[in-house]
Structures are given as C-alpha cells and as structure tokens.
Amino acid sequence: MNLVAWLIVASEIGFWVLIILGLVTRYILKRKKLGLLFLALTPVIDLILLIATSVDLYRGATATAAHALAAIYIGVSIAFGKSMIQWADIRFQYYITKQGQKPTRRYGLDYAKHYFKSWGQHVLAYIIGAGFLAGLIFLIKDSARTEVLAGFIKVWTIVLGIDFAISISYFLSPKKAKE
C-alpha cells in the first residue's frame, strides 16, 4: 500500500478521533469551546490529504486508485462532514450522556425527503471530488499518468446516477416501518 493509501486510512481515523475528542470534551468534560475546536479541526485533515496527494502527483507519481480515492474522500468529507458530526452528536448525547432526544427512524415521505437531501450532498461531494480529479488531470497533462483518475470520474458518475434512481424510488415506494 502506498503513502497516499495510508494517508486516507489515517485521515478517516483522524476524522473520527477528532469527533470523539470533540464530543467527550464538550459533553463529559464540559469544555464546550475546546470541544468545538476539536470538531472544527476536521477539515484540516482534508487539507493535509489534499496537499499530500497533489504533491505526490506533482513530483511525478503515476496516479493510482489511492489518489482517486483521496479525491473522493475529500469530496465526501466536505459534503457529508457536518451531517456526520450532527449524527454522532445526537447519538453521543442520547446514548453516552443520557441527555437529548432519542434518535428517530424515518419512514415514508419523511425518509424519501431525507434520502433525497442526502443525494444532494452526494452531488456536492461529486462536484468537489470530481472537480479535484479533473483539476489534477488538467494540471498533469499526461493521460498515461492520469488514466485511473478519469476512470474513477466515469464510475462515480454512474454511481451518482444509481443513487439518484434509488432516491426517486423512495418517493414511488416509501419505506415502511417494521412491524
């Protein structure tokens, strides 16, 4: 596994470590500002990964799946980061500190709307990640070195279309509560 692949793994671990540190500091240690600082540092991880990936390719590396996944990770992290932190915050408050409201399950039209909003976040992740991939392809100007990146854009475009079809399906056939 190359350096960029290890950085992706470290970034994901770092992301969740910062969230847990932020929530523990905020709710258990009662240091709200320090907890907020930890939560606010999560984009720094994306910046480090972005710089490392760009420098690696700039220095002449041939793009690999790890480079493409780094761009996807950055797009997803930026687009879904706030909602993932909110998701963790709600569950931490309820299950760990025994405060706050119990997380609710969504069904029917409410679920369909929520999933469609999530698809909108997927579009934003795609714009960011695919834009980063396209930017790397443009800057490197060597199709032999960036072939993998172009391939990932094509596959991600298909995945985005499938996700759209799934999101529409929940309006046509709403998710029902289990009995």
N, C-alpha and C. Protein backbone atom coordinates (compact mmCIF):
# COMPACT_ATOMS: atom_id res chain seq x y z
N MET A 1 0.85 -1.17 0.00
CA MET A 1 0.00 0.00 0.00
C MET A 1 0.91 1.24 0.00
N ASN A 2 0.58 2.22 -0.86
CA ASN A 2 1.44 3.40 -0.97
C ASN A 2 1.09 4.45 0.09
N LEU A 3 1.89 5.50 0.12
CA LEU A 3 1.75 6.54 1.13
C LEU A 3 0.37 7.19 1.10
N VAL A 4 -0.16 7.46 -0.08
CA VAL A 4 -1.47 8.12 -0.19
C VAL A 4 -2.56 7.22 0.39
N ALA A 5 -2.47 5.91 0.13
CA ALA A 5 -3.46 5.00 0.69
C ALA A 5 -3.41 5.01 2.22
N TRP A 6 -2.20 5.03 2.77
CA TRP A 6 -2.06 5.10 4.23
C TRP A 6 -2.59 6.43 4.76
N LEU A 7 -2.41 7.50 4.01
CA LEU A 7 -2.92 8.80 4.43
C LEU A 7 -4.45 8.82 4.45
N ILE A 8 -5.07 8.11 3.52
CA ILE A 8 -6.53 8.02 3.52
C ILE A 8 -7.00 7.32 4.79
N VAL A 9 -6.36 6.20 5.11
CA VAL A 9 -6.71 5.47 6.33
C VAL A 9 -6.50 6.35 7.56
N ALA A 10 -5.34 7.02 7.61
CA ALA A 10 -5.05 7.91 8.74
C ALA A 10 -6.05 9.07 8.81
N SER A 11 -6.46 9.57 7.65
CA SER A 11 -7.43 10.67 7.62
C SER A 11 -8.77 10.24 8.19
N GLU A 12 -9.23 9.06 7.81
CA GLU A 12 -10.51 8.55 8.32
C GLU A 12 -10.43 8.34 9.82
N ILE A 13 -9.35 7.75 10.28
CA ILE A 13 -9.17 7.55 11.72
C ILE A 13 -9.09 8.89 12.43
N GLY A 14 -8.31 9.81 11.88
CA GLY A 14 -8.17 11.14 12.47
C GLY A 14 -9.49 11.88 12.53
N PHE A 15 -10.31 11.76 11.49
CA PHE A 15 -11.61 12.40 11.45
C PHE A 15 -12.46 11.96 12.64
N TRP A 16 -12.55 10.64 12.84
CA TRP A 16 -13.39 10.12 13.93
C TRP A 16 -12.77 10.36 15.29
N VAL A 17 -11.44 10.35 15.39
CA VAL A 17 -10.79 10.67 16.66
C VAL A 17 -11.11 12.11 17.06
N LEU A 18 -11.03 13.04 16.11
CA LEU A 18 -11.36 14.44 16.40
C LEU A 18 -12.82 14.60 16.81
N ILE A 19 -13.71 13.86 16.16
CA ILE A 19 -15.13 13.95 16.53
C ILE A 19 -15.34 13.42 17.94
N ILE A 20 -14.76 12.26 18.25
CA ILE A 20 -14.91 11.70 19.60
C ILE A 20 -14.29 12.62 20.64
N LEU A 21 -13.09 13.13 20.35
CA LEU A 21 -12.46 14.09 21.28
C LEU A 21 -13.35 15.32 21.48
N GLY A 22 -13.90 15.82 20.40
CA GLY A 22 -14.77 16.99 20.48
C GLY A 22 -16.00 16.72 21.33
N LEU A 23 -16.63 15.57 21.12
CA LEU A 23 -17.85 15.25 21.87
C LEU A 23 -17.55 14.96 23.33
N VAL A 24 -16.49 14.22 23.61
CA VAL A 24 -16.11 13.94 25.01
C VAL A 24 -15.76 15.24 25.72
N THR A 25 -14.99 16.09 25.06
CA THR A 25 -14.60 17.37 25.66
C THR A 25 -15.82 18.25 25.89
N ARG A 26 -16.71 18.24 24.96
CA ARG A 26 -17.89 19.10 25.01
C ARG A 26 -18.89 18.66 26.08
N TYR A 27 -19.20 17.35 26.12
CA TYR A 27 -20.28 16.89 26.98
C TYR A 27 -19.82 16.27 28.31
N ILE A 28 -18.69 15.61 28.32
CA ILE A 28 -18.24 14.96 29.54
C ILE A 28 -17.34 15.90 30.35
N LEU A 29 -16.40 16.55 29.69
CA LEU A 29 -15.50 17.47 30.39
C LEU A 29 -16.10 18.87 30.53
N LYS A 30 -17.23 19.11 29.87
CA LYS A 30 -17.96 20.39 29.93
C LYS A 30 -17.13 21.57 29.45
N ARG A 31 -16.27 21.34 28.47
CA ARG A 31 -15.45 22.40 27.87
C ARG A 31 -15.94 22.61 26.44
N LYS A 32 -17.03 23.34 26.32
CA LYS A 32 -17.70 23.49 25.03
C LYS A 32 -16.83 24.11 23.95
N LYS A 33 -16.09 25.16 24.28
CA LYS A 33 -15.26 25.83 23.26
C LYS A 33 -14.13 24.93 22.78
N LEU A 34 -13.49 24.21 23.70
CA LEU A 34 -12.43 23.29 23.31
C LEU A 34 -13.01 22.14 22.48
N GLY A 35 -14.18 21.66 22.86
CA GLY A 35 -14.85 20.61 22.09
C GLY A 35 -15.16 21.08 20.69
N LEU A 36 -15.63 22.32 20.57
CA LEU A 36 -15.92 22.89 19.26
C LEU A 36 -14.65 23.02 18.43
N LEU A 37 -13.55 23.36 19.08
CA LEU A 37 -12.27 23.46 18.37
C LEU A 37 -11.88 22.12 17.76
N PHE A 38 -12.01 21.04 18.54
CA PHE A 38 -11.70 19.71 18.01
C PHE A 38 -12.58 19.39 16.80
N LEU A 39 -13.87 19.69 16.91
CA LEU A 39 -14.79 19.42 15.79
C LEU A 39 -14.44 20.28 14.58
N ALA A 40 -14.02 21.51 14.84
CA ALA A 40 -13.68 22.42 13.75
C ALA A 40 -12.38 22.05 13.05
N LEU A 41 -11.56 21.24 13.68
CA LEU A 41 -10.29 20.82 13.08
C LEU A 41 -10.44 19.72 12.02
N THR A 42 -11.62 19.12 11.92
CA THR A 42 -11.78 18.02 10.96
C THR A 42 -11.44 18.40 9.52
N PRO A 43 -11.75 19.62 9.04
CA PRO A 43 -11.35 19.97 7.68
C PRO A 43 -9.84 20.06 7.47
N VAL A 44 -9.09 20.26 8.54
CA VAL A 44 -7.63 20.32 8.42
C VAL A 44 -7.09 18.97 7.91
N ILE A 45 -7.73 17.90 8.32
CA ILE A 45 -7.34 16.57 7.86
C ILE A 45 -7.50 16.49 6.34
N ASP A 46 -8.60 17.02 5.83
CA ASP A 46 -8.82 17.03 4.38
C ASP A 46 -7.75 17.84 3.67
N LEU A 47 -7.39 18.96 4.25
CA LEU A 47 -6.37 19.81 3.65
C LEU A 47 -5.01 19.09 3.58
N ILE A 48 -4.65 18.39 4.64
CA ILE A 48 -3.39 17.63 4.65
C ILE A 48 -3.41 16.57 3.57
N LEU A 49 -4.52 15.84 3.45
CA LEU A 49 -4.64 14.81 2.43
C LEU A 49 -4.59 15.41 1.02
N LEU A 50 -5.25 16.53 0.84
CA LEU A 50 -5.24 17.22 -0.46
C LEU A 50 -3.83 17.64 -0.85
N ILE A 51 -3.11 18.22 0.07
CA ILE A 51 -1.74 18.66 -0.21
C ILE A 51 -0.84 17.46 -0.51
N ALA A 52 -0.94 16.42 0.31
CA ALA A 52 -0.08 15.24 0.12
C ALA A 52 -0.34 14.56 -1.22
N THR A 53 -1.59 14.44 -1.59
CA THR A 53 -1.94 13.82 -2.87
C THR A 53 -1.42 14.66 -4.04
N SER A 54 -1.64 15.96 -3.95
CA SER A 54 -1.20 16.85 -5.03
C SER A 54 0.32 16.86 -5.17
N VAL A 55 1.03 16.91 -4.06
CA VAL A 55 2.50 16.92 -4.10
C VAL A 55 3.02 15.61 -4.68
N ASP A 56 2.42 14.50 -4.28
CA ASP A 56 2.85 13.19 -4.79
C ASP A 56 2.73 13.14 -6.32
N LEU A 57 1.60 13.61 -6.83
CA LEU A 57 1.40 13.60 -8.29
C LEU A 57 2.27 14.66 -8.97
N TYR A 58 2.44 15.79 -8.35
CA TYR A 58 3.27 16.85 -8.92
C TYR A 58 4.72 16.39 -9.07
N ARG A 59 5.17 15.58 -8.13
CA ARG A 59 6.55 15.07 -8.17
C ARG A 59 6.75 13.96 -9.19
N GLY A 60 5.69 13.59 -9.91
CA GLY A 60 5.86 12.65 -10.99
C GLY A 60 5.25 11.28 -10.79
N ALA A 61 4.57 11.06 -9.68
CA ALA A 61 3.95 9.74 -9.47
C ALA A 61 2.84 9.53 -10.50
N THR A 62 2.68 8.29 -10.90
CA THR A 62 1.55 7.93 -11.75
C THR A 62 0.34 7.75 -10.83
N ALA A 63 -0.78 8.33 -11.22
CA ALA A 63 -1.98 8.27 -10.40
C ALA A 63 -2.42 6.82 -10.20
N THR A 64 -2.82 6.52 -8.98
CA THR A 64 -3.31 5.19 -8.63
C THR A 64 -4.74 5.32 -8.11
N ALA A 65 -5.33 4.20 -7.80
CA ALA A 65 -6.66 4.21 -7.20
C ALA A 65 -6.64 4.98 -5.89
N ALA A 66 -5.53 4.92 -5.16
CA ALA A 66 -5.43 5.65 -3.90
C ALA A 66 -5.54 7.15 -4.11
N HIS A 67 -4.92 7.66 -5.17
CA HIS A 67 -5.03 9.09 -5.46
C HIS A 67 -6.48 9.47 -5.77
N ALA A 68 -7.15 8.64 -6.55
CA ALA A 68 -8.55 8.90 -6.88
C ALA A 68 -9.42 8.81 -5.63
N LEU A 69 -9.17 7.81 -4.79
CA LEU A 69 -9.95 7.66 -3.57
C LEU A 69 -9.71 8.84 -2.61
N ALA A 70 -8.52 9.39 -2.63
CA ALA A 70 -8.25 10.57 -1.80
C ALA A 70 -9.16 11.73 -2.22
N ALA A 71 -9.31 11.94 -3.52
CA ALA A 71 -10.19 13.00 -4.01
C ALA A 71 -11.64 12.72 -3.62
N ILE A 72 -12.06 11.46 -3.76
CA ILE A 72 -13.42 11.09 -3.37
C ILE A 72 -13.61 11.30 -1.87
N TYR A 73 -12.64 10.86 -1.09
CA TYR A 73 -12.71 11.03 0.36
C TYR A 73 -12.87 12.50 0.73
N ILE A 74 -12.09 13.35 0.09
CA ILE A 74 -12.16 14.79 0.39
C ILE A 74 -13.55 15.34 0.05
N GLY A 75 -14.06 14.98 -1.13
CA GLY A 75 -15.40 15.44 -1.52
C GLY A 75 -16.48 14.97 -0.56
N VAL A 76 -16.43 13.70 -0.19
CA VAL A 76 -17.42 13.14 0.73
C VAL A 76 -17.28 13.77 2.11
N SER A 77 -16.06 13.94 2.55
CA SER A 77 -15.83 14.52 3.87
C SER A 77 -16.36 15.95 3.96
N ILE A 78 -16.13 16.72 2.93
CA ILE A 78 -16.62 18.11 2.93
C ILE A 78 -18.14 18.15 2.82
N ALA A 79 -18.71 17.35 1.91
CA ALA A 79 -20.16 17.39 1.69
C ALA A 79 -20.95 16.77 2.84
N PHE A 80 -20.45 15.70 3.41
CA PHE A 80 -21.19 14.99 4.45
C PHE A 80 -20.65 15.25 5.85
N GLY A 81 -19.52 15.94 5.98
CA GLY A 81 -18.88 16.12 7.28
C GLY A 81 -19.78 16.70 8.34
N LYS A 82 -20.46 17.79 8.04
CA LYS A 82 -21.32 18.44 9.03
C LYS A 82 -22.45 17.50 9.46
N SER A 83 -23.08 16.83 8.51
CA SER A 83 -24.19 15.93 8.88
C SER A 83 -23.68 14.70 9.63
N MET A 84 -22.46 14.24 9.34
CA MET A 84 -21.90 13.11 10.09
C MET A 84 -21.60 13.53 11.52
N ILE A 85 -21.11 14.76 11.70
CA ILE A 85 -20.85 15.26 13.05
C ILE A 85 -22.17 15.41 13.81
N GLN A 86 -23.20 15.93 13.15
CA GLN A 86 -24.52 16.05 13.79
C GLN A 86 -25.07 14.68 14.17
N TRP A 87 -24.93 13.71 13.27
CA TRP A 87 -25.38 12.35 13.54
C TRP A 87 -24.69 11.80 14.80
N ALA A 88 -23.36 11.96 14.87
CA ALA A 88 -22.60 11.47 16.02
C ALA A 88 -22.98 12.25 17.27
N ASP A 89 -23.20 13.55 17.17
CA ASP A 89 -23.55 14.40 18.30
C ASP A 89 -24.87 13.94 18.93
N ILE A 90 -25.87 13.72 18.12
CA ILE A 90 -27.19 13.30 18.61
C ILE A 90 -27.07 11.97 19.35
N ARG A 91 -26.37 11.01 18.76
CA ARG A 91 -26.24 9.70 19.38
C ARG A 91 -25.37 9.73 20.63
N PHE A 92 -24.33 10.55 20.61
CA PHE A 92 -23.46 10.68 21.79
C PHE A 92 -24.26 11.26 22.95
N GLN A 93 -25.03 12.32 22.67
CA GLN A 93 -25.83 12.93 23.73
C GLN A 93 -26.81 11.92 24.32
N TYR A 94 -27.48 11.16 23.47
CA TYR A 94 -28.53 10.27 23.96
C TYR A 94 -27.95 9.00 24.61
N TYR A 95 -27.02 8.34 23.93
CA TYR A 95 -26.55 7.04 24.41
C TYR A 95 -25.43 7.13 25.45
N ILE A 96 -24.59 8.15 25.39
CA ILE A 96 -23.45 8.25 26.30
C ILE A 96 -23.78 9.13 27.50
N THR A 97 -24.28 10.34 27.23
CA THR A 97 -24.54 11.26 28.35
C THR A 97 -25.96 11.13 28.89
N LYS A 98 -26.78 10.34 28.23
CA LYS A 98 -28.19 10.13 28.63
C LYS A 98 -28.98 11.44 28.64
N GLN A 99 -28.62 12.34 27.73
CA GLN A 99 -29.31 13.61 27.56
C GLN A 99 -29.83 13.66 26.13
N GLY A 100 -30.64 14.63 25.84
CA GLY A 100 -31.12 14.82 24.48
C GLY A 100 -32.21 13.82 24.12
N GLN A 101 -32.68 13.95 22.90
CA GLN A 101 -33.76 13.10 22.43
C GLN A 101 -33.23 11.84 21.77
N LYS A 102 -34.00 10.78 21.86
CA LYS A 102 -33.63 9.52 21.21
C LYS A 102 -33.64 9.74 19.70
N PRO A 103 -32.60 9.27 19.02
CA PRO A 103 -32.59 9.40 17.55
C PRO A 103 -33.81 8.69 16.95
N THR A 104 -34.44 9.35 16.01
CA THR A 104 -35.66 8.80 15.41
C THR A 104 -35.34 8.12 14.08
N ARG A 105 -36.14 7.12 13.79
CA ARG A 105 -36.04 6.46 12.49
C ARG A 105 -37.03 7.14 11.55
N ARG A 106 -36.67 7.19 10.32
CA ARG A 106 -37.51 7.85 9.33
C ARG A 106 -38.22 6.80 8.47
N TYR A 107 -39.44 7.14 8.09
CA TYR A 107 -40.22 6.27 7.23
C TYR A 107 -41.04 7.12 6.27
N GLY A 108 -41.57 6.47 5.24
CA GLY A 108 -42.48 7.13 4.32
C GLY A 108 -41.87 8.33 3.61
N LEU A 109 -42.69 9.36 3.45
CA LEU A 109 -42.27 10.56 2.74
C LEU A 109 -41.11 11.27 3.45
N ASP A 110 -41.11 11.22 4.78
CA ASP A 110 -40.01 11.83 5.55
C ASP A 110 -38.68 11.17 5.19
N TYR A 111 -38.66 9.84 5.09
CA TYR A 111 -37.45 9.12 4.70
C TYR A 111 -37.03 9.48 3.28
N ALA A 112 -38.02 9.52 2.38
CA ALA A 112 -37.74 9.85 0.97
C ALA A 112 -37.10 11.24 0.85
N LYS A 113 -37.65 12.21 1.57
CA LYS A 113 -37.09 13.57 1.54
C LYS A 113 -35.68 13.60 2.12
N HIS A 114 -35.49 12.89 3.22
CA HIS A 114 -34.17 12.85 3.86
C HIS A 114 -33.15 12.19 2.93
N TYR A 115 -33.53 11.10 2.29
CA TYR A 115 -32.61 10.41 1.37
C TYR A 115 -32.30 11.29 0.16
N PHE A 116 -33.30 12.01 -0.33
CA PHE A 116 -33.08 12.89 -1.47
C PHE A 116 -32.14 14.03 -1.09
N LYS A 117 -32.27 14.54 0.13
CA LYS A 117 -31.34 15.56 0.63
C LYS A 117 -29.92 14.97 0.67
N SER A 118 -29.83 13.72 1.10
CA SER A 118 -28.54 13.03 1.13
C SER A 118 -27.98 12.89 -0.29
N TRP A 119 -28.85 12.65 -1.26
CA TRP A 119 -28.40 12.58 -2.65
C TRP A 119 -27.84 13.94 -3.08
N GLY A 120 -28.48 15.02 -2.63
CA GLY A 120 -27.95 16.37 -2.91
C GLY A 120 -26.55 16.55 -2.35
N GLN A 121 -26.31 16.00 -1.16
CA GLN A 121 -24.97 16.03 -0.58
C GLN A 121 -24.01 15.20 -1.43
N HIS A 122 -24.51 14.10 -1.97
CA HIS A 122 -23.70 13.25 -2.85
C HIS A 122 -23.30 14.05 -4.10
N VAL A 123 -24.24 14.83 -4.63
CA VAL A 123 -23.93 15.68 -5.79
C VAL A 123 -22.82 16.68 -5.43
N LEU A 124 -22.93 17.29 -4.26
CA LEU A 124 -21.89 18.23 -3.82
C LEU A 124 -20.55 17.51 -3.68
N ALA A 125 -20.56 16.32 -3.07
CA ALA A 125 -19.32 15.53 -2.94
C ALA A 125 -18.73 15.24 -4.31
N TYR A 126 -19.60 14.90 -5.25
CA TYR A 126 -19.18 14.60 -6.62
C TYR A 126 -18.54 15.84 -7.27
N ILE A 127 -19.19 16.98 -7.12
CA ILE A 127 -18.65 18.22 -7.71
C ILE A 127 -17.26 18.51 -7.15
N ILE A 128 -17.11 18.37 -5.85
CA ILE A 128 -15.82 18.65 -5.21
C ILE A 128 -14.79 17.60 -5.63
N GLY A 129 -15.12 16.32 -5.44
CA GLY A 129 -14.17 15.24 -5.72
C GLY A 129 -13.83 15.12 -7.19
N ALA A 130 -14.85 15.12 -8.04
CA ALA A 130 -14.60 15.02 -9.48
C ALA A 130 -13.90 16.27 -9.99
N GLY A 131 -14.23 17.42 -9.39
CA GLY A 131 -13.54 18.66 -9.76
C GLY A 131 -12.06 18.58 -9.41
N PHE A 132 -11.77 18.00 -8.25
CA PHE A 132 -10.38 17.81 -7.86
C PHE A 132 -9.69 16.85 -8.82
N LEU A 133 -10.35 15.75 -9.17
CA LEU A 133 -9.78 14.78 -10.12
C LEU A 133 -9.54 15.44 -11.48
N ALA A 134 -10.53 16.18 -11.97
CA ALA A 134 -10.39 16.85 -13.26
C ALA A 134 -9.27 17.88 -13.21
N GLY A 135 -9.17 18.58 -12.08
CA GLY A 135 -8.08 19.56 -11.93
C GLY A 135 -6.72 18.89 -11.98
N LEU A 136 -6.58 17.74 -11.34
CA LEU A 136 -5.31 17.01 -11.39
C LEU A 136 -5.01 16.55 -12.81
N ILE A 137 -6.02 16.05 -13.50
CA ILE A 137 -5.83 15.62 -14.89
C ILE A 137 -5.37 16.80 -15.75
N PHE A 138 -6.01 17.95 -15.55
CA PHE A 138 -5.65 19.14 -16.32
C PHE A 138 -4.23 19.61 -16.01
N LEU A 139 -3.88 19.64 -14.74
CA LEU A 139 -2.56 20.13 -14.34
C LEU A 139 -1.42 19.20 -14.76
N ILE A 140 -1.66 17.91 -14.68
CA ILE A 140 -0.61 16.95 -15.02
C ILE A 140 -0.41 16.84 -16.53
N LYS A 141 -1.50 16.95 -17.29
CA LYS A 141 -1.45 16.94 -18.76
C LYS A 141 -0.69 15.73 -19.32
N ASP A 142 -0.93 14.58 -18.72
CA ASP A 142 -0.31 13.34 -19.19
C ASP A 142 -1.34 12.23 -18.99
N SER A 143 -2.06 11.92 -20.05
CA SER A 143 -3.16 10.95 -19.93
C SER A 143 -2.69 9.58 -19.46
N ALA A 144 -1.46 9.22 -19.74
CA ALA A 144 -0.95 7.93 -19.29
C ALA A 144 -0.82 7.91 -17.76
N ARG A 145 -0.47 9.04 -17.17
CA ARG A 145 -0.32 9.11 -15.71
C ARG A 145 -1.63 9.35 -14.98
N THR A 146 -2.66 9.80 -15.70
CA THR A 146 -3.93 10.14 -15.04
C THR A 146 -5.10 9.29 -15.49
N GLU A 147 -4.82 8.24 -16.23
CA GLU A 147 -5.89 7.37 -16.75
C GLU A 147 -6.80 6.86 -15.63
N VAL A 148 -6.22 6.49 -14.50
CA VAL A 148 -7.00 5.97 -13.37
C VAL A 148 -7.97 7.04 -12.86
N LEU A 149 -7.53 8.27 -12.81
CA LEU A 149 -8.38 9.35 -12.31
C LEU A 149 -9.60 9.53 -13.21
N ALA A 150 -9.40 9.51 -14.51
CA ALA A 150 -10.51 9.64 -15.46
C ALA A 150 -11.48 8.47 -15.31
N GLY A 151 -10.94 7.29 -15.09
CA GLY A 151 -11.79 6.11 -14.90
C GLY A 151 -12.66 6.24 -13.66
N PHE A 152 -12.11 6.79 -12.60
CA PHE A 152 -12.89 6.97 -11.37
C PHE A 152 -14.00 8.00 -11.56
N ILE A 153 -13.74 9.03 -12.35
CA ILE A 153 -14.80 10.01 -12.63
C ILE A 153 -15.96 9.31 -13.34
N LYS A 154 -15.65 8.47 -14.32
CA LYS A 154 -16.70 7.76 -15.06
C LYS A 154 -17.51 6.85 -14.14
N VAL A 155 -16.82 6.08 -13.31
CA VAL A 155 -17.53 5.16 -12.40
C VAL A 155 -18.36 5.95 -11.39
N TRP A 156 -17.80 7.02 -10.86
CA TRP A 156 -18.54 7.82 -9.88
C TRP A 156 -19.77 8.45 -10.50
N THR A 157 -19.69 8.84 -11.77
CA THR A 157 -20.84 9.40 -12.46
C THR A 157 -21.97 8.37 -12.52
N ILE A 158 -21.62 7.14 -12.82
CA ILE A 158 -22.62 6.06 -12.86
C ILE A 158 -23.21 5.83 -11.47
N VAL A 159 -22.37 5.80 -10.44
CA VAL A 159 -22.83 5.61 -9.06
C VAL A 159 -23.78 6.73 -8.66
N LEU A 160 -23.47 7.95 -9.04
CA LEU A 160 -24.33 9.09 -8.74
C LEU A 160 -25.70 8.92 -9.40
N GLY A 161 -25.71 8.45 -10.64
CA GLY A 161 -26.98 8.18 -11.33
C GLY A 161 -27.79 7.08 -10.65
N ILE A 162 -27.11 6.04 -10.21
CA ILE A 162 -27.80 4.94 -9.50
C ILE A 162 -28.37 5.46 -8.18
N ASP A 163 -27.59 6.26 -7.47
CA ASP A 163 -28.07 6.83 -6.21
C ASP A 163 -29.29 7.72 -6.45
N PHE A 164 -29.31 8.45 -7.56
CA PHE A 164 -30.48 9.27 -7.90
C PHE A 164 -31.70 8.38 -8.11
N ALA A 165 -31.53 7.29 -8.85
CA ALA A 165 -32.65 6.37 -9.10
C ALA A 165 -33.17 5.79 -7.78
N ILE A 166 -32.26 5.44 -6.88
CA ILE A 166 -32.67 4.91 -5.58
C ILE A 166 -33.44 5.97 -4.80
N SER A 167 -32.96 7.21 -4.83
CA SER A 167 -33.64 8.27 -4.08
C SER A 167 -35.04 8.51 -4.63
N ILE A 168 -35.21 8.45 -5.92
CA ILE A 168 -36.54 8.62 -6.52
C ILE A 168 -37.44 7.44 -6.17
N SER A 169 -36.85 6.25 -6.09
CA SER A 169 -37.65 5.05 -5.78
C SER A 169 -38.31 5.16 -4.41
N TYR A 170 -37.70 5.87 -3.47
CA TYR A 170 -38.30 6.02 -2.14
C TYR A 170 -39.53 6.92 -2.16
N PHE A 171 -39.65 7.77 -3.17
CA PHE A 171 -40.88 8.54 -3.33
C PHE A 171 -41.98 7.68 -3.94
N LEU A 172 -41.57 6.78 -4.85
CA LEU A 172 -42.54 5.92 -5.52
C LEU A 172 -42.99 4.75 -4.65
N SER A 173 -42.09 4.25 -3.84
CA SER A 173 -42.38 3.13 -2.95
C SER A 173 -41.77 3.45 -1.58
N PRO A 174 -42.50 4.21 -0.77
CA PRO A 174 -41.95 4.69 0.52
C PRO A 174 -41.55 3.55 1.45
N LYS A 175 -40.50 3.80 2.21
CA LYS A 175 -40.01 2.84 3.20
C LYS A 175 -41.03 2.77 4.32
N LYS A 176 -41.38 1.54 4.71
CA LYS A 176 -42.39 1.35 5.75
C LYS A 176 -41.71 0.91 7.05
N ALA A 177 -42.35 1.26 8.15
CA ALA A 177 -41.84 0.85 9.46
C ALA A 177 -42.00 -0.65 9.62
N LYS A 178 -41.00 -1.28 10.27
CA LYS A 178 -41.07 -2.72 10.52
C LYS A 178 -42.10 -2.97 11.61
N GLU A 179 -42.86 -4.03 11.42
CA GLU A 179 -43.91 -4.32 12.40
C GLU A 179 -43.42 -5.25 13.47
